[in-house]
PDB file of N, CA and C in Angstrom:
ATOM      1  N   MET A   1     109.553  92.951  79.690  1.00  0.00           N
ATOM      2  CA  MET A   1     110.331  93.488  78.972  1.00  0.00           C
ATOM      3  C   MET A   1     110.153  94.789  79.923  1.00  0.00           C
ATOM      4  N   SER A   2     111.269  95.107  80.289  1.00  0.00           N
ATOM      5  CA  SER A   2     111.290  96.421  80.894  1.00  0.00           C
ATOM      6  C   SER A   2     111.824  97.574  80.103  1.00  0.00           C
ATOM      7  N   GLU A   3     110.989  98.368  79.437  1.00  0.00           N
ATOM      8  CA  GLU A   3     111.266  99.465  78.438  1.00  0.00           C
ATOM      9  C   GLU A   3     111.239 100.719  79.237  1.00  0.00           C
ATOM     10  N   GLU A   4     112.751 101.402  79.016  1.00  0.00           N
ATOM     11  CA  GLU A   4     112.180 102.906  79.563  1.00  0.00           C
ATOM     12  C   GLU A   4     111.435 103.986  78.779  1.00  0.00           C
ATOM     13  N   PHE A   5     110.611 104.239  79.828  1.00  0.00           N
ATOM     14  CA  PHE A   5     109.872 105.496  79.216  1.00  0.00           C
ATOM     15  C   PHE A   5     110.069 106.929  80.276  1.00  0.00           C
ATOM     16  N   LYS A   6     109.634 107.857  79.846  1.00  0.00           N
ATOM     17  CA  LYS A   6     109.696 108.959  80.525  1.00  0.00           C
ATOM     18  C   LYS A   6     108.061 109.395  80.431  1.00  0.00           C
ATOM     19  N   LEU A   7     107.737 110.244  81.945  1.00  0.00           N
ATOM     20  CA  LEU A   7     106.305 110.685  81.724  1.00  0.00           C
ATOM     21  C   LEU A   7     106.396 111.719  81.048  1.00  0.00           C
ATOM     22  N   PRO A   8     105.080 112.505  80.686  1.00  0.00           N
ATOM     23  CA  PRO A   8     104.658 113.527  79.798  1.00  0.00           C
ATOM     24  C   PRO A   8     105.432 114.670  79.814  1.00  0.00           C
ATOM     25  N   ALA A   9     105.670 115.347  80.837  1.00  0.00           N
ATOM     26  CA  ALA A   9     106.083 116.375  81.416  1.00  0.00           C
ATOM     27  C   ALA A   9     107.926 116.195  81.506  1.00  0.00           C
ATOM     28  N   ASP A  10     107.953 114.842  80.753  1.00  0.00           N
ATOM     29  CA  ASP A  10     109.793 114.986  80.962  1.00  0.00           C
ATOM     30  C   ASP A  10     110.010 114.699  79.409  1.00  0.00           C
ATOM     31  N   CYS A  11     109.168 114.356  78.996  1.00  0.00           N
ATOM     32  CA  CYS A  11     109.520 114.241  77.381  1.00  0.00           C
ATOM     33  C   CYS A  11     110.096 115.478  76.446  1.00  0.00           C
ATOM     34  N   ASN A  12     111.374 115.255  76.011  1.00  0.00           N
ATOM     35  CA  ASN A  12     111.649 116.371  75.058  1.00  0.00           C
ATOM     36  C   ASN A  12     111.596 116.023  73.603  1.00  0.00           C
ATOM     37  N   ASP A  13     111.167 114.547  73.539  1.00  0.00           N
ATOM     38  CA  ASP A  13     111.288 114.948  71.862  1.00  0.00           C
ATOM     39  C   ASP A  13     110.044 113.584  71.579  1.00  0.00           C
ATOM     40  N   MET A  14     109.829 113.695  70.336  1.00  0.00           N
ATOM     41  CA  MET A  14     108.735 112.997  69.920  1.00  0.00           C
ATOM     42  C   MET A  14     108.948 111.216  69.874  1.00  0.00           C
ATOM     43  N   ARG A  15     110.089 110.579  69.777  1.00  0.00           N
ATOM     44  CA  ARG A  15     110.446 109.343  70.212  1.00  0.00           C
ATOM     45  C   ARG A  15     109.833 109.020  71.672  1.00  0.00           C
ATOM     46  N   GLU A  16     110.339 109.826  72.968  1.00  0.00           N
ATOM     47  CA  GLU A  16     110.188 109.954  74.120  1.00  0.00           C
ATOM     48  C   GLU A  16     108.863 110.069  74.129  1.00  0.00           C
ATOM     49  N   VAL A  17     107.914 110.859  73.732  1.00  0.00           N
ATOM     50  CA  VAL A  17     106.659 111.020  73.582  1.00  0.00           C
ATOM     51  C   VAL A  17     105.816 109.283  72.907  1.00  0.00           C
ATOM     52  N   ARG A  18     106.149 109.110  71.935  1.00  0.00           N
ATOM     53  CA  ARG A  18     105.694 107.888  71.254  1.00  0.00           C
ATOM     54  C   ARG A  18     106.040 106.366  71.870  1.00  0.00           C
ATOM     55  N   ALA A  19     107.008 106.894  73.008  1.00  0.00           N
ATOM     56  CA  ALA A  19     107.688 105.290  73.709  1.00  0.00           C
ATOM     57  C   ALA A  19     106.481 104.920  74.537  1.00  0.00           C
ATOM     58  N   GLY A  20     106.277 106.523  75.017  1.00  0.00           N
ATOM     59  CA  GLY A  20     105.015 106.934  76.227  1.00  0.00           C
ATOM     60  C   GLY A  20     103.864 106.568  75.786  1.00  0.00           C
ATOM     61  N   VAL A  21     103.447 106.416  74.834  1.00  0.00           N
ATOM     62  CA  VAL A  21     101.723 106.405  74.559  1.00  0.00           C
ATOM     63  C   VAL A  21     102.118 104.823  73.800  1.00  0.00           C
ATOM     64  N   ASP A  22     103.000 103.911  73.930  1.00  0.00           N
ATOM     65  CA  ASP A  22     102.855 102.617  73.456  1.00  0.00           C
ATOM     66  C   ASP A  22     102.590 101.962  74.695  1.00  0.00           C
ATOM     67  N   ARG A  23     103.842 102.270  75.627  1.00  0.00           N
ATOM     68  CA  ARG A  23     103.816 101.753  77.102  1.00  0.00           C
ATOM     69  C   ARG A  23     102.137 102.140  77.735  1.00  0.00           C
ATOM     70  N   THR A  24     101.694 103.384  77.427  1.00  0.00           N
ATOM     71  CA  THR A  24     100.764 103.443  78.132  1.00  0.00           C
ATOM     72  C   THR A  24      99.313 102.677  77.258  1.00  0.00           C
ATOM     73  N   ASP A  25      99.479 102.309  76.242  1.00  0.00           N
ATOM     74  CA  ASP A  25      98.750 101.538  75.226  1.00  0.00           C
ATOM     75  C   ASP A  25      98.509 100.249  75.791  1.00  0.00           C
ATOM     76  N   ARG A  26     100.172  99.591  75.791  1.00  0.00           N
ATOM     77  CA  ARG A  26     100.058  98.229  76.694  1.00  0.00           C
ATOM     78  C   ARG A  26      99.379  98.170  78.071  1.00  0.00           C
ATOM     79  N   GLU A  27      99.347  99.168  79.008  1.00  0.00           N
ATOM     80  CA  GLU A  27      99.189  98.946  80.287  1.00  0.00           C
ATOM     81  C   GLU A  27      97.255  98.980  80.347  1.00  0.00           C
ATOM     82  N   LEU A  28      96.826 100.050  78.907  1.00  0.00           N
ATOM     83  CA  LEU A  28      95.473  99.674  78.816  1.00  0.00           C
ATOM     84  C   LEU A  28      94.812  98.403  77.999  1.00  0.00           C
ATOM     85  N   MET A  29      95.946  97.690  77.898  1.00  0.00           N
ATOM     86  CA  MET A  29      95.221  96.540  77.145  1.00  0.00           C
ATOM     87  C   MET A  29      94.956  95.477  78.010  1.00  0.00           C
ATOM     88  N   GLU A  30      96.106  95.539  79.246  1.00  0.00           N
ATOM     89  CA  GLU A  30      96.048  95.063  80.102  1.00  0.00           C
ATOM     90  C   GLU A  30      95.021  94.865  81.353  1.00  0.00           C
ATOM     91  N   LEU A  31      94.606  96.342  81.555  1.00  0.00           N
ATOM     92  CA  LEU A  31      93.070  96.975  82.327  1.00  0.00           C
ATOM     93  C   LEU A  31      92.335  96.640  81.443  1.00  0.00           C
ATOM     94  N   LEU A  32      91.767  96.135  79.960  1.00  0.00           N
ATOM     95  CA  LEU A  32      90.740  95.768  79.328  1.00  0.00           C
ATOM     96  C   LEU A  32      91.012  94.038  79.480  1.00  0.00           C
ATOM     97  N   ASP A  33      91.733  93.627  79.498  1.00  0.00           N
ATOM     98  CA  ASP A  33      91.860  92.089  79.873  1.00  0.00           C
ATOM     99  C   ASP A  33      91.526  91.790  81.298  1.00  0.00           C
ATOM    100  N   ARG A  34      91.815  92.428  82.172  1.00  0.00           N
ATOM    101  CA  ARG A  34      91.429  92.860  83.703  1.00  0.00           C
ATOM    102  C   ARG A  34      89.564  92.418  83.373  1.00  0.00           C
ATOM    103  N   ARG A  35      89.202  93.697  82.697  1.00  0.00           N
ATOM    104  CA  ARG A  35      87.881  94.430  82.938  1.00  0.00           C
ATOM    105  C   ARG A  35      86.939  93.173  81.740  1.00  0.00           C
ATOM    106  N   PHE A  36      87.289  92.556  81.417  1.00  0.00           N
ATOM    107  CA  PHE A  36      86.871  91.575  80.529  1.00  0.00           C
ATOM    108  C   PHE A  36      87.214  90.227  81.137  1.00  0.00           C
ATOM    109  N   ALA A  37      87.768  90.133  82.043  1.00  0.00           N
ATOM    110  CA  ALA A  37      87.945  88.674  83.001  1.00  0.00           C
ATOM    111  C   ALA A  37      86.530  88.695  84.129  1.00  0.00           C
ATOM    112  N   TYR A  38      86.481  90.659  84.474  1.00  0.00           N
ATOM    113  CA  TYR A  38      85.250  90.390  85.313  1.00  0.00           C
ATOM    114  C   TYR A  38      83.791  90.038  84.544  1.00  0.00           C
ATOM    115  N   MET A  39      83.784  90.383  82.981  1.00  0.00           N
ATOM    116  CA  MET A  39      82.760  90.432  82.538  1.00  0.00           C
ATOM    117  C   MET A  39      82.327  88.747  82.379  1.00  0.00           C
ATOM    118  N   ARG A  40      83.694  88.087  82.335  1.00  0.00           N
ATOM    119  CA  ARG A  40      83.596  86.281  82.371  1.00  0.00           C
ATOM    120  C   ARG A  40      83.250  85.941  83.584  1.00  0.00           C
ATOM    121  N   ALA A  41      83.436  86.466  84.908  1.00  0.00           N
ATOM    122  CA  ALA A  41      83.192  86.127  85.946  1.00  0.00           C
ATOM    123  C   ALA A  41      81.325  86.689  85.975  1.00  0.00           C
ATOM    124  N   ALA A  42      81.070  87.573  85.865  1.00  0.00           N
ATOM    125  CA  ALA A  42      79.254  88.095  85.906  1.00  0.00           C
ATOM    126  C   ALA A  42      78.549  87.051  84.840  1.00  0.00           C
ATOM    127  N   ALA A  43      79.390  86.495  84.105  1.00  0.00           N
ATOM    128  CA  ALA A  43      78.862  85.510  83.165  1.00  0.00           C
ATOM    129  C   ALA A  43      78.662  84.199  83.678  1.00  0.00           C
ATOM    130  N   ARG A  44      79.575  83.725  84.620  1.00  0.00           N
ATOM    131  CA  ARG A  44      79.513  82.642  85.388  1.00  0.00           C
ATOM    132  C   ARG A  44      78.618  83.082  86.620  1.00  0.00           C
ATOM    133  N   ILE A  45      78.769  84.081  87.148  1.00  0.00           N
ATOM    134  CA  ILE A  45      77.714  83.742  88.262  1.00  0.00           C
ATOM    135  C   ILE A  45      75.980  84.624  87.839  1.00  0.00           C
ATOM    136  N   LYS A  46      75.936  85.233  87.095  1.00  0.00           N
ATOM    137  CA  LYS A  46      74.431  85.487  86.833  1.00  0.00           C
ATOM    138  C   LYS A  46      73.524  84.577  86.107  1.00  0.00           C
ATOM    139  N   THR A  47      72.432  83.971  87.025  1.00  0.00           N
ATOM    140  CA  THR A  47      71.574  82.557  86.828  1.00  0.00           C
ATOM    141  C   THR A  47      70.729  82.718  85.771  1.00  0.00           C
ATOM    142  N   ASP A  48      70.567  83.987  85.066  1.00  0.00           N
ATOM    143  CA  ASP A  48      69.625  84.431  84.194  1.00  0.00           C
ATOM    144  C   ASP A  48      69.895  85.480  83.248  1.00  0.00           C
ATOM    145  N   ARG A  49      70.199  85.208  81.785  1.00  0.00           N
ATOM    146  CA  ARG A  49      70.624  85.898  80.826  1.00  0.00           C
ATOM    147  C   ARG A  49      69.935  87.035  80.460  1.00  0.00           C
ATOM    148  N   LYS A  50      68.715  87.629  80.966  1.00  0.00           N
ATOM    149  CA  LYS A  50      68.403  88.415  80.988  1.00  0.00           C
ATOM    150  C   LYS A  50      68.640  89.671  81.934  1.00  0.00           C
ATOM    151  N   VAL A  51      69.495  89.182  83.225  1.00  0.00           N
ATOM    152  CA  VAL A  51      69.970  90.132  83.752  1.00  0.00           C
ATOM    153  C   VAL A  51      71.659  90.613  83.221  1.00  0.00           C
ATOM    154  N   VAL A  52      72.196  90.489  82.242  1.00  0.00           N
ATOM    155  CA  VAL A  52      73.086  90.461  81.953  1.00  0.00           C
ATOM    156  C   VAL A  52      73.029  92.033  81.523  1.00  0.00           C
ATOM    157  N   ARG A  53      72.071  92.765  80.746  1.00  0.00           N
ATOM    158  CA  ARG A  53      71.929  93.976  80.220  1.00  0.00           C
ATOM    159  C   ARG A  53      71.273  94.801  81.473  1.00  0.00           C
ATOM    160  N   ASP A  54      71.564  95.641  82.008  1.00  0.00           N
ATOM    161  CA  ASP A  54      71.410  96.286  83.243  1.00  0.00           C
ATOM    162  C   ASP A  54      71.790  97.384  82.811  1.00  0.00           C
ATOM    163  N   GLU A  55      70.330  98.446  82.585  1.00  0.00           N
ATOM    164  CA  GLU A  55      70.293  99.848  81.440  1.00  0.00           C
ATOM    165  C   GLU A  55      70.694 100.963  82.644  1.00  0.00           C
ATOM    166  N   ALA A  56      70.263 100.432  84.144  1.00  0.00           N
ATOM    167  CA  ALA A  56      71.012 101.344  85.030  1.00  0.00           C
ATOM    168  C   ALA A  56      72.409 101.636  85.427  1.00  0.00           C
ATOM    169  N   ARG A  57      72.798 100.070  85.317  1.00  0.00           N
ATOM    170  CA  ARG A  57      74.228 100.028  85.598  1.00  0.00           C
ATOM    171  C   ARG A  57      74.995 100.532  84.757  1.00  0.00           C
ATOM    172  N   LYS A  58      74.525 100.409  83.249  1.00  0.00           N
ATOM    173  CA  LYS A  58      75.165 101.162  82.273  1.00  0.00           C
ATOM    174  C   LYS A  58      75.067 102.806  82.623  1.00  0.00           C
ATOM    175  N   ALA A  59      74.279 102.809  82.561  1.00  0.00           N
ATOM    176  CA  ALA A  59      73.984 104.306  82.935  1.00  0.00           C
ATOM    177  C   ALA A  59      75.025 105.090  83.799  1.00  0.00           C
ATOM    178  N   GLU A  60      75.359 104.107  84.687  1.00  0.00           N
ATOM    179  CA  GLU A  60      75.780 104.719  86.409  1.00  0.00           C
ATOM    180  C   GLU A  60      77.825 104.949  85.802  1.00  0.00           C
ATOM    181  N   VAL A  61      77.811 103.772  85.467  1.00  0.00           N
ATOM    182  CA  VAL A  61      79.111 103.493  84.737  1.00  0.00           C
ATOM    183  C   VAL A  61      79.546 104.450  83.818  1.00  0.00           C
ATOM    184  N   ILE A  62      78.603 104.892  82.737  1.00  0.00           N
ATOM    185  CA  ILE A  62      79.400 106.100  81.814  1.00  0.00           C
ATOM    186  C   ILE A  62      79.158 107.540  82.386  1.00  0.00           C
ATOM    187  N   GLU A  63      78.438 107.465  83.304  1.00  0.00           N
ATOM    188  CA  GLU A  63      78.477 108.692  83.790  1.00  0.00           C
ATOM    189  C   GLU A  63      79.846 108.854  84.900  1.00  0.00           C
ATOM    190  N   ASN A  64      79.733 107.971  85.982  1.00  0.00           N
ATOM    191  CA  ASN A  64      80.910 107.587  86.801  1.00  0.00           C
ATOM    192  C   ASN A  64      82.232 108.569  85.527  1.00  0.00           C
ATOM    193  N   ALA A  65      82.690 107.892  84.197  1.00  0.00           N
ATOM    194  CA  ALA A  65      83.827 107.736  83.680  1.00  0.00           C
ATOM    195  C   ALA A  65      83.298 109.172  82.798  1.00  0.00           C
ATOM    196  N   ARG A  66      82.247 109.934  82.358  1.00  0.00           N
ATOM    197  CA  ARG A  66      82.360 111.404  82.579  1.00  0.00           C
ATOM    198  C   ARG A  66      82.937 112.334  83.545  1.00  0.00           C
ATOM    199  N   ALA A  67      82.127 112.067  84.629  1.00  0.00           N
ATOM    200  CA  ALA A  67      82.443 112.955  85.515  1.00  0.00           C
ATOM    201  C   ALA A  67      83.926 112.701  86.269  1.00  0.00           C
ATOM    202  N   ASP A  68      84.570 111.658  85.836  1.00  0.00           N
ATOM    203  CA  ASP A  68      86.095 111.391  86.450  1.00  0.00           C
ATOM    204  C   ASP A  68      86.863 112.259  85.163  1.00  0.00           C
ATOM    205  N   ALA A  69      86.440 112.038  83.942  1.00  0.00           N
ATOM    206  CA  ALA A  69      86.912 112.875  83.057  1.00  0.00           C
ATOM    207  C   ALA A  69      86.918 114.499  83.191  1.00  0.00           C
ATOM    208  N   GLU A  70      85.680 114.663  83.455  1.00  0.00           N
ATOM    209  CA  GLU A  70      85.529 116.067  83.426  1.00  0.00           C
ATOM    210  C   GLU A  70      86.366 117.174  85.050  1.00  0.00           C
ATOM    211  N   LYS A  71      86.483 116.068  86.106  1.00  0.00           N
ATOM    212  CA  LYS A  71      87.425 116.285  87.294  1.00  0.00           C
ATOM    213  C   LYS A  71      89.179 116.212  86.283  1.00  0.00           C
ATOM    214  N   ARG A  72      89.276 115.833  85.650  1.00  0.00           N
ATOM    215  CA  ARG A  72      90.700 115.703  85.147  1.00  0.00           C
ATOM    216  C   ARG A  72      90.854 116.775  83.810  1.00  0.00           C
ATOM    217  N   ASP A  73      89.694 117.306  83.765  1.00  0.00           N
ATOM    218  CA  ASP A  73      89.947 118.380  83.074  1.00  0.00           C
ATOM    219  C   ASP A  73      89.954 117.575  81.188  1.00  0.00           C
ATOM    220  N   LEU A  74      89.323 116.511  81.126  1.00  0.00           N
ATOM    221  CA  LEU A  74      89.477 115.899  79.962  1.00  0.00           C
ATOM    222  C   LEU A  74      88.614 116.248  79.273  1.00  0.00           C
ATOM    223  N   PRO A  75      88.547 115.600  77.814  1.00  0.00           N
ATOM    224  CA  PRO A  75      87.125 115.701  77.299  1.00  0.00           C
ATOM    225  C   PRO A  75      85.952 114.601  77.582  1.00  0.00           C
ATOM    226  N   ALA A  76      85.142 115.179  78.353  1.00  0.00           N
ATOM    227  CA  ALA A  76      84.179 114.321  79.283  1.00  0.00           C
ATOM    228  C   ALA A  76      82.890 113.874  78.591  1.00  0.00           C
ATOM    229  N   ALA A  77      82.545 114.497  77.057  1.00  0.00           N
ATOM    230  CA  ALA A  77      81.606 114.360  76.468  1.00  0.00           C
ATOM    231  C   ALA A  77      81.858 113.310  75.244  1.00  0.00           C
ATOM    232  N   LYS A  78      83.230 113.408  75.057  1.00  0.00           N
ATOM    233  CA  LYS A  78      83.471 111.895  74.092  1.00  0.00           C
ATOM    234  C   LYS A  78      84.584 110.929  74.764  1.00  0.00           C
ATOM    235  N   ILE A  79      84.789 111.007  76.029  1.00  0.00           N
ATOM    236  CA  ILE A  79      84.794 109.749  76.759  1.00  0.00           C
ATOM    237  C   ILE A  79      83.878 109.351  77.261  1.00  0.00           C
ATOM    238  N   ALA A  80      82.809 109.999  77.405  1.00  0.00           N
ATOM    239  CA  ALA A  80      81.478 109.248  77.610  1.00  0.00           C
ATOM    240  C   ALA A  80      80.964 108.344  76.298  1.00  0.00           C
ATOM    241  N   GLN A  81      81.416 108.682  75.309  1.00  0.00           N
ATOM    242  CA  GLN A  81      80.936 107.954  74.592  1.00  0.00           C
ATOM    243  C   GLN A  81      82.053 106.741  74.012  1.00  0.00           C
ATOM    244  N   ILE A  82      83.145 106.996  74.311  1.00  0.00           N
ATOM    245  CA  ILE A  82      84.265 105.892  74.511  1.00  0.00           C
ATOM    246  C   ILE A  82      83.499 104.760  75.248  1.00  0.00           C
ATOM    247  N   TRP A  83      82.711 105.327  76.989  1.00  0.00           N
ATOM    248  CA  TRP A  83      82.450 104.124  77.688  1.00  0.00           C
ATOM    249  C   TRP A  83      81.381 103.592  77.639  1.00  0.00           C
ATOM    250  N   ASP A  84      80.767 104.439  76.285  1.00  0.00           N
ATOM    251  CA  ASP A  84      79.491 103.555  75.965  1.00  0.00           C
ATOM    252  C   ASP A  84      79.433 102.524  75.225  1.00  0.00           C
ATOM    253  N   ASP A  85      80.950 102.622  74.141  1.00  0.00           N
ATOM    254  CA  ASP A  85      81.071 101.612  73.544  1.00  0.00           C
ATOM    255  C   ASP A  85      81.768 100.612  74.225  1.00  0.00           C
ATOM    256  N   LEU A  86      82.709 101.008  75.184  1.00  0.00           N
ATOM    257  CA  LEU A  86      82.997  99.857  75.755  1.00  0.00           C
ATOM    258  C   LEU A  86      82.306  98.891  76.741  1.00  0.00           C
ATOM    259  N   VAL A  87      80.850  99.609  77.205  1.00  0.00           N
ATOM    260  CA  VAL A  87      80.170  99.087  77.964  1.00  0.00           C
ATOM    261  C   VAL A  87      79.365  98.272  77.195  1.00  0.00           C
ATOM    262  N   GLU A  88      78.790  98.692  76.124  1.00  0.00           N
ATOM    263  CA  GLU A  88      78.292  97.699  75.251  1.00  0.00           C
ATOM    264  C   GLU A  88      79.196  96.654  74.805  1.00  0.00           C
ATOM    265  N   THR A  89      80.152  96.629  73.950  1.00  0.00           N
ATOM    266  CA  THR A  89      81.438  95.768  73.766  1.00  0.00           C
ATOM    267  C   THR A  89      81.314  94.775  74.868  1.00  0.00           C
ATOM    268  N   SER A  90      81.272  95.169  76.120  1.00  0.00           N
ATOM    269  CA  SER A  90      81.501  94.065  77.825  1.00  0.00           C
ATOM    270  C   SER A  90      80.242  93.347  77.791  1.00  0.00           C
ATOM    271  N   ILE A  91      79.272  93.850  77.220  1.00  0.00           N
ATOM    272  CA  ILE A  91      77.341  93.509  77.471  1.00  0.00           C
ATOM    273  C   ILE A  91      77.686  92.230  76.127  1.00  0.00           C
ATOM    274  N   ALA A  92      78.057  92.902  75.041  1.00  0.00           N
ATOM    275  CA  ALA A  92      77.864  91.855  74.073  1.00  0.00           C
ATOM    276  C   ALA A  92      78.708  90.364  74.143  1.00  0.00           C
ATOM    277  N   TYR A  93      79.971  90.889  74.998  1.00  0.00           N
ATOM    278  CA  TYR A  93      80.678  89.842  75.360  1.00  0.00           C
ATOM    279  C   TYR A  93      80.566  88.851  76.277  1.00  0.00           C
ATOM    280  N   GLU A  94      79.843  89.436  77.476  1.00  0.00           N
ATOM    281  CA  GLU A  94      79.146  88.585  78.389  1.00  0.00           C
ATOM    282  C   GLU A  94      78.190  87.790  77.829  1.00  0.00           C
ATOM    283  N   LEU A  95      77.188  88.071  77.213  1.00  0.00           N
ATOM    284  CA  LEU A  95      76.079  87.780  76.710  1.00  0.00           C
ATOM    285  C   LEU A  95      76.575  86.548  75.652  1.00  0.00           C
ATOM    286  N   VAL A  96      77.742  86.266  74.958  1.00  0.00           N
ATOM    287  CA  VAL A  96      78.250  85.342  74.318  1.00  0.00           C
ATOM    288  C   VAL A  96      79.103  84.294  75.607  1.00  0.00           C
ATOM    289  N   GLU A  97      79.515  85.014  76.588  1.00  0.00           N
ATOM    290  CA  GLU A  97      80.344  83.982  77.426  1.00  0.00           C
ATOM    291  C   GLU A  97      79.173  83.787  77.991  1.00  0.00           C
ATOM    292  N   TRP A  98      78.149  83.788  78.779  1.00  0.00           N
ATOM    293  CA  TRP A  98      76.806  83.172  79.065  1.00  0.00           C
ATOM    294  C   TRP A  98      76.579  82.103  78.153  1.00  0.00           C
ATOM    295  N   ASP A  99      76.191  82.183  77.220  1.00  0.00           N
ATOM    296  CA  ASP A  99      75.831  81.355  76.111  1.00  0.00           C
ATOM    297  C   ASP A  99      76.825  80.248  76.384  1.00  0.00           C
ATOM    298  N   ARG A 100      77.802  80.197  76.242  1.00  0.00           N
ATOM    299  CA  ARG A 100      78.990  79.679  76.074  1.00  0.00           C
ATOM    300  C   ARG A 100      79.140  78.750  77.012  1.00  0.00           C
ATOM    301  N   LEU A 101      78.913  78.952  78.669  1.00  0.00           N
ATOM    302  CA  LEU A 101      79.299  78.331  79.861  1.00  0.00           C
ATOM    303  C   LEU A 101      78.159  77.644  79.679  1.00  0.00           C
ATOM    304  N   ARG A 102      76.692  77.795  79.403  1.00  0.00           N
ATOM    305  CA  ARG A 102      75.620  76.720  79.499  1.00  0.00           C
ATOM    306  C   ARG A 102      75.577  76.052  78.493  1.00  0.00           C
ATOM    307  N   ASP A 103      76.127  76.172  77.261  1.00  0.00           N
ATOM    308  CA  ASP A 103      75.843  75.235  76.251  1.00  0.00           C
ATOM    309  C   ASP A 103      77.219  74.978  75.667  1.00  0.00           C
ATOM    310  N   PRO A 104      77.958  74.113  76.220  1.00  0.00           N
ATOM    311  CA  PRO A 104      79.148  73.866  75.535  1.00  0.00           C
ATOM    312  C   PRO A 104      79.702  73.430  74.548  1.00  0.00           C
ATOM    313  N   ASP A 105      78.040  72.442  73.863  1.00  0.00           N
ATOM    314  CA  ASP A 105      78.557  72.259  72.663  1.00  0.00           C
ATOM    315  C   ASP A 105      79.143  72.979  71.459  1.00  0.00           C
TER     316      ASP A 105
END
């Protein structure tokens, strides 16, 4: 589906803004799909369930997002909260996948 949309600076009405937001949301979902595919790969690769949760890596990922948001003049603290939720959801997903791969019954 090739849908026309304008970049934010080129929008002249709310219909155009909403079309851009909807398109961006679909693109974000595609990126989330890829991110969770990496979680499936991690679950496949890690041989010990205890290493699925890595607090140092979690902190690094969240700090990277916060710093990137700050550079872009976005609400860094709120984005860090979103990333915390994303990482926790990813860990939970990876644990389920880890268990599924090792106990297919």
